[in-house]
């Protein structure tokens, strides 16, 4: 008897939609693909500014700039104990690990929303290859870890909603605390998720109020990394960390007090600022992905609100607050929109899955193979963004530090600003480059030097050659009480990841010793 030809089973595609079977495999596959791309394109050495600080401070178990980022510091310290490559490279790779894990968790969220795993993989990889997340994945900072914790928190909220287990409330509370311990931006996410979950859990809370106490305890456990800051400050040195050993200093650090002048919230003007910023936000989203990603993402969120009002509304509120905060704090920190990228990726998955469902409804079960076409989107983003975000040949930080150190004579003291101080301190303190040189922060509250601070500079200049390297040098003479004489020109960074401004290197002389 002739054997019947094999026919694709409808059940095969139905089975891969079951979270228990397909979700973990899809999430792991997404993580691996994204991580391989990030590892291939990661920055190989030291960066500048905050990114160089994030490579150095955790490895030395120091304290980072406000808001302190204690969870990131502790996790990165553990990660950098892996004896492969330089400290800077390990720190940069850690960002890639967290970013790839974020994409993996995004898959779990999408499958929980009944999105086909293949489409979930496609949408999550599209998220991974957007310009914003890819950039964060190749430079050391706490932003990709923030996105990972936000994704884990949203996933756990969905698990709670679906399965109603107390342990999921407690895990979610712990994740909320850890999210706050990592990044101050958590205040735009964690309270909103808490409110939505509490509303959803109101019956369980009414029956068993003690669960709130247990959840509060789990949240508090998540905040324990903040204890690292006063404990580390108490070890010293006093001249660097002394201000952080009391409550006022600690609170000013973790609340970002010095940046509050850049924050504009809780007014009609701030609402208008967010509205005015929307075209810029949309332009940024389209530029760093493409119009299809953004448009389909928005459509998917609208569909989700209709289909799953609780979770859809949660994402809408989170997106609005994310854009509002972005617009009213400086307005140019693209990584502050990472939560919005996650939300759009979820919406993208919902739209694509609905489109496949419509095709299957018209053409029959075999047409479900069309879902694999969704993988073209991340491939397109991978190809279009590779040249922009491949940092594997980026030696800007190395060249900057080599040029500066080469310009300094023996036993020199260099006074410089944050963006240049951090890569110089990394090379000097972590790799032992130019041990004869002393680095001094123009802003003495910066915690990134490893040399004793000598006072006053006017006395130091009579014993050692003193130099200054600044982007804005108008007040250099007034503040140092020394006379600056230009001796060279160096290209410097200013708030960006790349040196781009030509500025003078000055030798500072006592007024009576100017040649």
Foldseek 3Di string as FASTA:
>chain_A
DDDDDDDDDLVVQVVLLDCVPPLQVLLVVQLVVLLVLLLQQAFQDAFFFLLLVLLFCLCVVHFAFFPRQLLSSPVLNVQLVPPDHASQRSLLSVLSNLLSNLLSLLLLVLSLVSFRSLLSSLLSLLLSLFQLSSQSSRTGDLLSNLSSLLSVLLSLLSVCLVPVDLVSLQVSLLSLLLSLSRDVLSVLASVLSVVLSCVSCVVVCVVPVVSVVSSPVSNVVSNVSLVSLLVVLVVDDCLQRVQCNDPVSNCCRSVVVVQVVQADDDDPVLVVLLVVCVVVLLVSRCVRAHPLLQVQLVQLLVVCCVVPVSSSVSLVSSQSSLSSRCRRRVVPPVSSCSSVSSSSSSSNSSSLRVVLVVVCVVPNSVSNVCSNVSNVRSVVSCVVCVVVRRNHPPCQLVVQLVVVVVPDDFLEEEEEERRNLSSNLCCCVVVVPRVSYFYAYPPNNHNRGDDDDDPDLQVVVVVHWYKYDYPDCPCVCVVNVWDWDFDDWGFADDPDRHGDHIDTMTTTHHPVPDD
